[in-house]
Amino acid sequence: MKKLNIILSVVLILTILLTNLAYAETFDPKGEDDCLYYFYGADCDDCKSTDGLIAKIEAKYSNIEFQKYEVYHNANNAELLQKYFQAYNIEENKQGIPLILTKNSYLIGKTTISKYLENLIIDNDNAICPNLDAQNVIGIANEKEPSTVMQTITPFSVMGSVLKDALRPIMIALLLLLIISLAAFKDVPKAIMAGCFFIIGSFTAFLLYAANITDAWGSLLTQAIVTKIIIILAIIISLVKIILFFVLQKDYIQDLQREQRLKVQKTLRILHHPAWYLPLSFILSMFALSGTGKMFFLLKTLHSEGLLNGEILPWIIYASFIMLIPIIVVLIIMTLIKTKLEARSSRTEPYSDKRIGEWRAHNHKVLNIVVSLLVIAISLFLLYL
């Protein structure tokens, strides 16, 4: 009995080996000539891994025909995809990309495609391409990306992506320059005006760039150089303010002759006029636009293609506003601080106008020192980041 069992076991093993060998010899990957449609999106993360899988399938099955349709930036392909969703009776909650179609089956989602695509090719004996008259369709849908590009755009997705752009080193450098400038204004209304001009200039730059009216100035390398220049300039200005605070004990401009004093004061008023912050912020913001994130680039691309301009323009305005949030916050904080210091200087009634003026000048200098120290600390951190 033992010998019989051993003989039967050997025969069974040999039979399995011979069967597998025969299958391996008869199975020819080149014999698979299926026709499949592949729907994907250029900005779809899951589609990127599916692209790699399809490339391997195409290398292995040389006769396979994949017809590929990009649906995020091609209106005709997007319309065709919707027609196939209807023809294949794919429920709305299952619709998405990446999507693989055969004559009578579909696979939706990165995980589903990676798991079942090769088996689908091997089992499919029908080389006919998919069409809109499909019948008896079966399919599997798993986690997926939105089937239309507009479904990828939401207020929170735009805010999250654009806020990252707004907190890049060059944008922080711009904030430091703005903080120094606002602190230098003795007059609160002029500080507010300068901040508003700064916001308008930056908003204009962001809007024109996203609407493809202008391009970003310079490459990422240029942006890094401009960032360092702004940071070093901020450090120099801050150090000069600190040194002057401790060295200069009086206003030397007042000691000049009247005619000279008026000329110097007029020149300073011109150089420090709030209107200068409009072109300044526009120019620096244009350098800051290189290397913006995925969402800002997506809105720019969609607008350039002219497919959804009516729907995209409000999102461009929204994204440009989000980029300004840190600047607006800085302006509000600096205005509140300067207003509070102004009120504190004028609160003591027994003081004369001259004494009140001295307190205002003193508080203004102290604010500039505090701001200068803060700017130097942040600037050094950015330089070694």
Protein backbone atom coordinates (compact mmCIF):
# COMPACT_ATOMS: atom_id res chain seq x y z
CA MET A 1 0.00 0.00 0.00
CA LYS A 2 2.83 2.41 0.86
CA LYS A 3 4.51 1.77 -2.49
CA LEU A 4 1.17 2.28 -4.27
CA ASN A 5 0.58 5.61 -2.50
CA ILE A 6 4.07 6.78 -3.40
CA ILE A 7 3.56 5.82 -7.05
CA LEU A 8 0.17 7.59 -7.18
CA SER A 9 1.65 10.74 -5.59
CA VAL A 10 4.49 10.81 -8.12
CA VAL A 11 2.04 10.33 -10.98
CA LEU A 12 -0.18 13.16 -9.65
CA ILE A 13 2.78 15.56 -9.32
CA LEU A 14 4.02 14.71 -12.79
CA THR A 15 0.53 15.23 -14.19
CA ILE A 16 0.29 18.71 -12.59
CA LEU A 17 3.76 19.66 -13.81
CA LEU A 18 3.03 18.46 -17.35
CA THR A 19 -0.31 20.29 -17.37
CA ASN A 20 1.29 23.57 -16.26
CA LEU A 21 4.09 23.10 -18.75
CA ALA A 22 1.60 22.48 -21.55
CA TYR A 23 -0.34 25.61 -20.55
CA ALA A 24 2.83 27.66 -20.42
CA GLU A 25 3.76 26.45 -23.88
CA THR A 26 0.33 27.11 -25.35
CA PHE A 27 -0.25 30.49 -23.64
CA ASP A 28 1.21 33.22 -25.77
CA PRO A 29 0.94 36.79 -24.47
CA LYS A 30 1.21 38.00 -28.05
CA GLY A 31 -1.98 36.14 -28.81
CA GLU A 32 -4.00 38.58 -26.68
CA ASP A 33 -5.37 41.22 -29.01
CA ASP A 34 -8.00 42.87 -26.79
CA CYS A 35 -9.15 46.42 -27.43
CA LEU A 36 -9.53 48.49 -24.26
CA TYR A 37 -10.38 52.12 -23.54
CA TYR A 38 -8.50 53.88 -20.76
CA PHE A 39 -9.94 57.09 -19.30
CA TYR A 40 -7.64 59.13 -17.04
CA GLY A 41 -6.89 62.67 -15.85
CA ALA A 42 -3.64 64.58 -16.20
CA ASP A 43 -3.85 65.80 -12.57
CA CYS A 44 -5.27 62.55 -11.17
CA ASP A 45 -2.87 61.04 -8.60
CA ASP A 46 -4.28 57.50 -8.82
CA CYS A 47 -4.01 57.59 -12.60
CA LYS A 48 -0.23 57.96 -12.41
CA SER A 49 0.24 54.52 -10.85
CA THR A 50 -2.29 53.08 -13.31
CA ASP A 51 -0.27 54.59 -16.17
CA GLY A 52 2.73 52.58 -15.02
CA LEU A 53 0.70 49.35 -14.83
CA ILE A 54 -0.68 49.87 -18.33
CA ALA A 55 2.83 50.48 -19.67
CA LYS A 56 3.88 47.08 -18.26
CA ILE A 57 0.79 45.40 -19.74
CA GLU A 58 1.53 46.94 -23.15
CA ALA A 59 5.12 45.66 -22.98
CA LYS A 60 3.97 42.15 -22.05
CA TYR A 61 1.01 41.88 -24.44
CA SER A 62 2.31 43.49 -27.59
CA ASN A 63 -0.94 43.08 -29.52
CA ILE A 64 -3.11 44.72 -26.87
CA GLU A 65 -4.68 47.99 -28.03
CA PHE A 66 -5.19 50.66 -25.38
CA GLN A 67 -7.03 53.74 -26.59
CA LYS A 68 -6.33 56.47 -24.03
CA TYR A 69 -8.55 59.44 -23.28
CA GLU A 70 -7.49 62.32 -21.01
CA VAL A 71 -10.67 63.82 -19.52
CA TYR A 72 -9.56 66.67 -17.22
CA HIS A 73 -8.28 68.96 -19.97
CA ASN A 74 -10.12 67.68 -23.02
CA ALA A 75 -13.79 68.59 -23.30
CA ASN A 76 -14.53 66.04 -26.05
CA ASN A 77 -13.02 63.18 -24.03
CA ALA A 78 -14.90 64.30 -20.92
CA GLU A 79 -18.15 64.26 -22.87
CA LEU A 80 -17.34 60.80 -24.26
CA LEU A 81 -16.68 59.50 -20.75
CA GLN A 82 -20.12 60.64 -19.59
CA LYS A 83 -21.69 58.83 -22.55
CA TYR A 84 -19.95 55.59 -21.58
CA PHE A 85 -21.07 55.96 -17.98
CA GLN A 86 -24.65 56.05 -19.27
CA ALA A 87 -24.20 53.30 -21.87
CA TYR A 88 -22.62 50.92 -19.33
CA ASN A 89 -25.26 51.83 -16.69
CA ILE A 90 -22.57 52.79 -14.15
CA GLU A 91 -24.23 54.28 -11.10
CA GLU A 92 -23.34 57.88 -10.28
CA ASN A 93 -21.74 56.99 -6.94
CA LYS A 94 -19.43 54.55 -8.75
CA GLN A 95 -18.40 56.87 -11.56
CA GLY A 96 -14.78 57.97 -11.53
CA ILE A 97 -11.31 57.49 -12.97
CA PRO A 98 -9.04 55.73 -13.73
CA LEU A 99 -11.44 53.67 -15.82
CA ILE A 100 -10.79 50.65 -18.06
CA LEU A 101 -13.48 49.54 -20.54
CA THR A 102 -13.79 46.41 -22.65
CA LYS A 103 -16.69 45.48 -24.93
CA ASN A 104 -18.87 44.37 -22.02
CA SER A 105 -17.02 45.08 -18.78
CA TYR A 106 -15.36 47.87 -16.80
CA LEU A 107 -12.86 48.39 -13.99
CA ILE A 108 -12.89 51.61 -11.97
CA GLY A 109 -10.24 52.69 -9.47
CA LYS A 110 -6.50 52.17 -9.06
CA THR A 111 -6.81 49.16 -6.74
CA THR A 112 -9.41 47.42 -8.89
CA ILE A 113 -7.42 47.89 -12.09
CA SER A 114 -4.14 46.70 -10.58
CA LYS A 115 -5.85 43.60 -9.17
CA TYR A 116 -8.06 42.50 -12.06
CA LEU A 117 -6.79 44.03 -15.31
CA GLU A 118 -4.45 41.22 -16.38
CA ASN A 119 -7.03 38.52 -15.58
CA LEU A 120 -9.60 40.52 -17.53
CA ILE A 121 -7.30 40.55 -20.55
CA ILE A 122 -6.61 36.81 -20.33
CA ASP A 123 -10.27 35.87 -19.86
CA ASN A 124 -11.58 38.21 -22.54
CA ASP A 125 -12.04 36.46 -25.90
CA ASN A 126 -13.66 39.45 -27.54
CA ALA A 127 -11.28 41.72 -29.48
CA ILE A 128 -14.03 44.20 -30.37
CA CYS A 129 -13.50 47.72 -29.00
CA PRO A 130 -16.01 49.17 -26.51
CA ASN A 131 -19.00 50.96 -28.00
CA LEU A 132 -22.04 52.83 -26.76
CA ASP A 133 -24.37 49.91 -27.57
CA ALA A 134 -22.94 47.67 -24.87
CA GLN A 135 -25.19 45.00 -23.33
CA ASN A 136 -24.92 42.66 -20.33
CA VAL A 137 -22.12 44.77 -18.89
CA ILE A 138 -20.43 43.73 -15.66
CA GLY A 139 -17.80 45.62 -13.73
CA ILE A 140 -16.05 46.39 -10.47
CA ALA A 141 -15.61 49.83 -8.92
CA ASN A 142 -13.39 50.71 -5.98
CA GLU A 143 -11.88 53.89 -4.55
CA LYS A 144 -11.60 56.38 -7.38
CA GLU A 145 -10.75 59.92 -8.39
CA PRO A 146 -13.45 62.37 -9.61
CA SER A 147 -14.40 61.88 -13.26
CA THR A 148 -14.50 65.63 -14.00
CA VAL A 149 -11.86 68.18 -13.12
CA MET A 150 -14.41 70.54 -11.55
CA GLN A 151 -15.18 67.87 -8.95
CA THR A 152 -11.57 68.12 -7.76
CA ILE A 153 -11.99 71.83 -7.01
CA THR A 154 -13.64 72.70 -3.69
CA PRO A 155 -13.30 75.75 -1.41
CA PHE A 156 -11.30 73.72 1.12
CA SER A 157 -9.03 72.06 -1.46
CA VAL A 158 -8.25 75.45 -3.00
CA MET A 159 -7.68 77.02 0.41
CA GLY A 160 -5.40 74.23 1.63
CA SER A 161 -3.26 74.21 -1.50
CA VAL A 162 -3.05 77.99 -1.99
CA LEU A 163 -2.26 78.69 1.68
CA LYS A 164 0.82 76.51 1.27
CA ASP A 165 1.80 78.76 -1.64
CA ALA A 166 1.17 81.82 0.52
CA LEU A 167 3.56 80.56 3.21
CA ARG A 168 6.55 79.79 0.99
CA PRO A 169 9.88 81.49 1.91
CA ILE A 170 9.53 84.24 -0.72
CA MET A 171 6.02 85.12 0.49
CA ILE A 172 7.26 85.26 4.09
CA ALA A 173 10.09 87.51 2.90
CA LEU A 174 7.47 89.83 1.37
CA LEU A 175 5.61 89.85 4.68
CA LEU A 176 8.79 90.87 6.50
CA LEU A 177 9.30 93.74 4.08
CA LEU A 178 5.69 94.81 4.61
CA ILE A 179 6.00 94.66 8.40
CA ILE A 180 9.13 96.87 8.35
CA SER A 181 7.39 99.34 6.02
CA LEU A 182 4.20 99.57 8.08
CA ALA A 183 6.18 100.06 11.28
CA ALA A 184 8.07 102.97 9.68
CA PHE A 185 4.89 105.00 9.10
CA LYS A 186 4.18 107.36 11.98
CA ASP A 187 0.73 108.15 10.59
CA VAL A 188 -1.76 105.28 10.94
CA PRO A 189 -3.92 106.23 7.90
CA LYS A 190 -0.80 106.31 5.70
CA ALA A 191 0.24 102.88 7.02
CA ILE A 192 -3.21 101.52 6.16
CA MET A 193 -3.02 103.12 2.71
CA ALA A 194 0.43 101.57 2.09
CA GLY A 195 -0.86 98.16 3.16
CA CYS A 196 -3.88 98.47 0.84
CA PHE A 197 -1.64 99.42 -2.09
CA PHE A 198 0.55 96.41 -1.27
CA ILE A 199 -2.50 94.13 -1.29
CA ILE A 200 -3.80 95.56 -4.58
CA GLY A 201 -0.42 95.11 -6.26
CA SER A 202 -0.06 91.52 -5.12
CA PHE A 203 -3.67 90.64 -5.97
CA THR A 204 -3.23 92.08 -9.46
CA ALA A 205 -0.08 89.99 -9.99
CA PHE A 206 -1.77 86.78 -8.82
CA LEU A 207 -4.88 87.41 -10.90
CA LEU A 208 -3.01 88.26 -14.13
CA TYR A 209 -0.79 85.20 -13.72
CA ALA A 210 -3.64 82.77 -13.04
CA ALA A 211 -5.59 84.21 -15.99
CA ASN A 212 -2.56 83.64 -18.27
CA ILE A 213 -2.25 87.35 -19.08
CA THR A 214 1.30 87.42 -17.70
CA ASP A 215 3.89 84.77 -16.84
CA ALA A 216 5.87 84.45 -13.65
CA TRP A 217 9.14 86.35 -13.70
CA GLY A 218 12.16 84.10 -13.53
CA SER A 219 12.72 80.47 -12.60
CA LEU A 220 12.79 78.84 -9.16
CA LEU A 221 16.49 79.69 -8.99
CA THR A 222 15.69 83.35 -9.68
CA GLN A 223 13.00 83.20 -7.02
CA ALA A 224 15.48 81.82 -4.47
CA ILE A 225 17.93 84.63 -5.28
CA VAL A 226 15.21 87.30 -4.98
CA THR A 227 14.12 85.76 -1.66
CA LYS A 228 17.64 86.01 -0.26
CA ILE A 229 17.99 89.60 -1.50
CA ILE A 230 14.74 90.60 0.24
CA ILE A 231 15.76 88.82 3.45
CA ILE A 232 19.22 90.41 3.51
CA LEU A 233 17.66 93.82 2.78
CA ALA A 234 15.20 93.31 5.64
CA ILE A 235 18.06 92.44 8.00
CA ILE A 236 20.08 95.51 6.93
CA ILE A 237 17.11 97.87 7.37
CA SER A 238 16.35 96.37 10.78
CA LEU A 239 19.97 96.69 11.94
CA VAL A 240 20.11 100.31 10.76
CA LYS A 241 16.93 101.09 12.73
CA ILE A 242 18.35 99.49 15.87
CA ILE A 243 21.68 101.34 15.55
CA LEU A 244 19.99 104.69 14.92
CA PHE A 245 17.76 104.15 17.95
CA PHE A 246 20.77 103.92 20.26
CA VAL A 247 23.09 106.37 18.44
CA LEU A 248 20.81 109.22 17.44
CA GLN A 249 19.40 111.01 20.45
CA LYS A 250 17.79 113.83 18.48
CA ASP A 251 16.33 114.64 15.11
CA TYR A 252 19.16 116.10 13.06
CA ILE A 253 16.81 117.13 10.26
CA GLN A 254 15.33 119.75 12.56
CA ASP A 255 18.80 121.31 12.96
CA LEU A 256 19.07 122.02 9.25
CA GLN A 257 18.30 125.41 7.81
CA ARG A 258 14.65 125.87 6.90
CA GLU A 259 15.14 125.63 3.14
CA GLN A 260 17.32 122.53 3.39
CA ARG A 261 15.00 120.98 5.95
CA LEU A 262 11.99 121.45 3.71
CA LYS A 263 13.81 119.87 0.75
CA VAL A 264 14.85 116.86 2.83
CA GLN A 265 11.37 116.43 4.25
CA LYS A 266 9.80 116.71 0.77
CA THR A 267 12.21 114.10 -0.60
CA LEU A 268 11.44 111.74 2.28
CA ARG A 269 7.70 112.19 1.76
CA ILE A 270 8.05 111.32 -1.91
CA LEU A 271 10.25 108.29 -1.26
CA HIS A 272 7.99 107.04 1.52
CA HIS A 273 4.67 107.72 -0.20
CA PRO A 274 2.18 104.83 0.17
CA ALA A 275 1.65 104.70 -3.63
CA TRP A 276 5.13 103.21 -4.11
CA TYR A 277 3.92 99.99 -2.49
CA LEU A 278 1.64 99.24 -5.44
CA PRO A 279 4.38 98.69 -8.08
CA LEU A 280 6.76 97.29 -5.46
CA SER A 281 4.35 94.53 -4.37
CA PHE A 282 3.38 93.79 -7.98
CA ILE A 283 7.01 93.31 -9.07
CA LEU A 284 7.98 91.17 -6.07
CA SER A 285 4.79 89.09 -6.33
CA MET A 286 5.55 88.29 -9.97
CA PHE A 287 8.85 86.77 -8.84
CA ALA A 288 6.96 84.81 -6.16
CA LEU A 289 4.71 83.00 -8.65
CA SER A 290 7.25 80.48 -9.97
CA GLY A 291 6.64 77.03 -8.54
CA THR A 292 3.13 77.60 -7.24
CA GLY A 293 1.31 74.49 -6.09
CA LYS A 294 -0.90 72.00 -7.88
CA MET A 295 -4.22 73.82 -7.43
CA PHE A 296 -3.05 77.24 -8.59
CA PHE A 297 -1.38 75.61 -11.60
CA LEU A 298 -4.55 73.62 -12.37
CA LEU A 299 -6.70 76.76 -12.41
CA LYS A 300 -4.15 78.48 -14.64
CA THR A 301 -4.07 75.52 -17.03
CA LEU A 302 -7.85 75.23 -17.24
CA HIS A 303 -8.16 78.93 -17.98
CA SER A 304 -5.47 78.74 -20.67
CA GLU A 305 -7.36 75.92 -22.38
CA GLY A 306 -10.50 78.02 -22.43
CA LEU A 307 -12.71 75.05 -21.60
CA LEU A 308 -14.44 76.30 -18.47
CA ASN A 309 -13.59 79.99 -18.25
CA GLY A 310 -17.00 80.94 -16.90
CA GLU A 311 -16.62 78.45 -14.05
CA ILE A 312 -12.87 78.87 -13.50
CA LEU A 313 -12.65 82.68 -13.22
CA PRO A 314 -14.45 82.86 -9.82
CA TRP A 315 -12.08 80.16 -8.52
CA ILE A 316 -9.08 82.17 -9.77
CA ILE A 317 -10.33 85.25 -7.91
CA TYR A 318 -10.93 83.13 -4.80
CA ALA A 319 -7.45 81.56 -4.99
CA SER A 320 -5.81 84.98 -5.49
CA PHE A 321 -7.64 86.26 -2.40
CA ILE A 322 -6.49 83.26 -0.34
CA MET A 323 -2.88 84.08 -1.31
CA LEU A 324 -3.41 87.49 0.31
CA ILE A 325 -4.67 86.23 3.68
CA PRO A 326 -1.25 86.42 5.47
CA ILE A 327 -0.72 89.94 4.08
CA ILE A 328 -4.19 91.05 5.21
CA VAL A 329 -3.62 89.54 8.67
CA VAL A 330 -0.29 91.39 9.01
CA LEU A 331 -1.92 94.68 7.96
CA ILE A 332 -4.74 94.25 10.50
CA ILE A 333 -2.36 93.36 13.34
CA MET A 334 0.03 96.24 12.61
CA THR A 335 -2.90 98.68 12.33
CA LEU A 336 -4.31 97.57 15.68
CA ILE A 337 -0.91 97.90 17.36
CA LYS A 338 -0.22 101.34 15.93
CA THR A 339 -3.74 102.52 16.78
CA LYS A 340 -3.39 101.32 20.35
CA LEU A 341 0.00 103.03 20.73
CA GLU A 342 -1.47 106.23 19.28
CA ALA A 343 -4.31 106.14 21.80
CA ARG A 344 -1.90 105.39 24.63
CA SER A 345 0.27 108.38 23.71
CA SER A 346 -2.73 110.76 23.80
CA ARG A 347 -4.42 109.36 26.90
CA THR A 348 -2.69 111.55 29.51
CA GLU A 349 -4.58 114.87 29.42
CA PRO A 350 -2.24 117.05 31.61
CA TYR A 351 0.52 116.67 29.02
CA SER A 352 1.02 119.42 26.46
CA ASP A 353 0.85 118.79 22.74
CA LYS A 354 4.63 118.81 22.67
CA ARG A 355 4.82 116.16 25.39
CA ILE A 356 2.23 114.03 23.62
CA GLY A 357 4.26 114.35 20.42
CA GLU A 358 7.34 113.16 22.27
CA TRP A 359 5.46 110.13 23.62
CA ARG A 360 4.23 109.32 20.11
CA ALA A 361 7.76 109.53 18.75
CA HIS A 362 9.05 107.36 21.60
CA ASN A 363 6.38 104.68 21.13
CA HIS A 364 7.00 104.74 17.39
CA LYS A 365 10.72 104.11 17.93
CA VAL A 366 10.06 101.31 20.42
CA LEU A 367 7.66 99.65 17.96
CA ASN A 368 10.31 99.85 15.24
CA ILE A 369 12.91 98.26 17.53
CA VAL A 370 10.59 95.37 18.47
CA VAL A 371 9.64 94.84 14.84
CA SER A 372 13.29 94.99 13.76
CA LEU A 373 14.32 92.33 16.28
CA LEU A 374 11.45 90.11 15.20
CA VAL A 375 12.31 90.57 11.50
CA ILE A 376 15.98 89.74 12.10
CA ALA A 377 15.06 86.54 13.97
CA ILE A 378 12.68 85.34 11.24
CA SER A 379 15.10 86.38 8.48
CA LEU A 380 17.98 84.40 9.99
CA PHE A 381 15.68 81.39 10.32
CA LEU A 382 14.73 81.67 6.62
CA LEU A 383 18.36 81.99 5.55
CA TYR A 384 19.29 78.74 7.28
CA LEU A 385 16.06 76.92 6.40
